[in-house]
């Protein structure tokens, strides 16, 4: 695995962690300003920044037509973690959509 593929994986992971932290920062708040003052929200935004930098490294050698759809894998992970951590429902249509994302990314890498 090349440095650029590791950077892409780091970008996806950073986005997942950032999203989880933003959700954590939003729980129990009733205003944007209250959420922005929470450490979890600030850390989540920092994760997104780091993720963007890792993505830039990945784009140096990975075509954007492969890199950007790969980021869609974060949707799969987030849906699973949302169901586990916050009991967010995953119905049949959501499960099919998640499966289609995985199949689509695999097809991009094979093509």
Protein backbone atom coordinates (compact mmCIF):
# COMPACT_ATOMS: atom_id res chain seq x y z
CA UNK A 1 0.00 0.00 0.00
CA UNK A 2 1.41 3.36 -1.02
CA UNK A 3 1.71 6.51 1.06
CA UNK A 4 -1.10 8.02 -0.99
CA UNK A 5 -3.47 5.14 -0.28
CA UNK A 6 -2.59 5.38 3.41
CA UNK A 7 -3.35 9.09 3.22
CA UNK A 8 -6.74 8.30 1.65
CA UNK A 9 -7.48 5.82 4.43
CA UNK A 10 -6.45 8.46 7.00
CA UNK A 11 -8.74 10.98 5.31
CA UNK A 12 -11.69 8.59 5.50
CA UNK A 13 -10.92 7.69 9.11
CA UNK A 14 -10.48 11.36 10.04
CA UNK A 15 -13.85 12.15 8.51
CA UNK A 16 -15.51 9.34 10.45
CA UNK A 17 -13.95 10.43 13.75
CA UNK A 18 -14.82 14.06 12.99
CA UNK A 19 -18.44 13.16 12.28
CA UNK A 20 -18.75 11.15 15.50
CA UNK A 21 -17.28 14.01 17.50
CA UNK A 22 -19.65 16.52 15.88
CA UNK A 23 -22.61 14.31 16.74
CA UNK A 24 -21.31 13.93 20.30
CA UNK A 25 -21.00 17.71 20.57
CA UNK A 26 -24.57 18.17 19.36
CA UNK A 27 -26.24 15.84 21.85
CA UNK A 28 -28.12 17.81 24.48
CA UNK A 29 -27.53 21.25 22.95
CA UNK A 30 -30.27 23.52 21.74
CA UNK A 31 -28.22 26.09 19.87
CA UNK A 32 -25.39 26.20 17.39
CA UNK A 33 -23.35 28.44 19.69
CA UNK A 34 -23.63 26.00 22.58
CA UNK A 35 -22.53 23.20 20.29
CA UNK A 36 -19.58 25.20 18.95
CA UNK A 37 -18.37 25.81 22.51
CA UNK A 38 -18.12 22.09 23.25
CA UNK A 39 -14.68 20.44 23.09
CA UNK A 40 -16.06 17.48 21.11
CA UNK A 41 -17.27 19.83 18.38
CA UNK A 42 -13.95 21.65 18.22
CA UNK A 43 -12.07 18.35 18.04
CA UNK A 44 -14.45 17.17 15.33
CA UNK A 45 -13.76 20.25 13.24
CA UNK A 46 -10.01 19.73 13.74
CA UNK A 47 -10.39 16.13 12.55
CA UNK A 48 -12.09 17.37 9.41
CA UNK A 49 -9.20 19.77 8.82
CA UNK A 50 -6.64 17.00 9.24
CA UNK A 51 -8.72 14.78 7.02
CA UNK A 52 -8.71 17.41 4.28
CA UNK A 53 -4.91 17.64 4.43
CA UNK A 54 -4.59 13.84 4.19
CA UNK A 55 -6.99 13.90 1.24
CA UNK A 56 -4.80 16.44 -0.53
CA UNK A 57 -1.84 14.07 -0.17
CA UNK A 58 -3.94 11.22 -1.56
CA UNK A 59 -4.97 13.28 -4.58
CA UNK A 60 -1.34 13.72 -5.62
CA UNK A 61 -1.35 10.16 -7.01
CA UNK A 62 -4.89 8.80 -6.83
CA UNK A 63 -7.39 9.90 -9.48
CA UNK A 64 -10.24 11.93 -8.01
CA UNK A 65 -12.65 9.55 -9.77
CA UNK A 66 -11.38 6.86 -7.38
CA UNK A 67 -10.51 8.94 -4.30
CA UNK A 68 -13.78 10.80 -3.87
CA UNK A 69 -16.07 7.77 -4.16
CA UNK A 70 -13.79 6.00 -1.67
CA UNK A 71 -14.74 8.63 0.87
CA UNK A 72 -18.29 7.27 0.54
CA UNK A 73 -17.13 4.31 2.62
CA UNK A 74 -17.32 6.66 5.56
CA UNK A 75 -21.12 6.64 5.12
CA UNK A 76 -21.11 2.88 5.67
CA UNK A 77 -19.05 3.17 8.86
CA UNK A 78 -21.03 6.13 10.17
CA UNK A 79 -24.37 4.38 9.61
CA UNK A 80 -23.16 1.34 11.55
CA UNK A 81 -21.69 3.43 14.37
CA UNK A 82 -24.79 5.65 14.52
CA UNK A 83 -26.94 2.56 14.98
CA UNK A 84 -24.62 1.21 17.66
CA UNK A 85 -23.87 4.40 19.60
CA UNK A 86 -27.14 6.33 19.30
CA UNK A 87 -29.63 3.61 18.33
CA UNK A 88 -30.26 5.28 14.97
CA UNK A 89 -32.41 2.94 12.87
CA UNK A 90 -31.15 1.13 9.78
CA UNK A 91 -34.15 -0.06 7.84
CA UNK A 92 -34.22 -2.24 4.76
CA UNK A 93 -33.87 0.61 2.26
CA UNK A 94 -30.96 2.09 4.20
CA UNK A 95 -29.26 -1.32 4.34
CA UNK A 96 -29.67 -1.74 0.57
CA UNK A 97 -28.23 1.74 0.00
CA UNK A 98 -25.24 0.94 2.19
CA UNK A 99 -24.70 -2.27 0.25
CA UNK A 100 -24.83 -0.37 -3.04
CA UNK A 101 -22.18 2.05 -1.78
CA UNK A 102 -19.85 -0.82 -0.95
CA UNK A 103 -20.46 -2.53 -4.29
CA UNK A 104 -19.91 0.74 -6.15
CA UNK A 105 -16.58 1.47 -4.48
CA UNK A 106 -15.37 -2.10 -5.09
CA UNK A 107 -16.35 -1.79 -8.77
CA UNK A 108 -14.41 1.46 -9.10
CA UNK A 109 -11.26 -0.14 -7.74
CA UNK A 110 -11.61 -3.18 -9.99
CA UNK A 111 -12.31 -1.17 -13.13
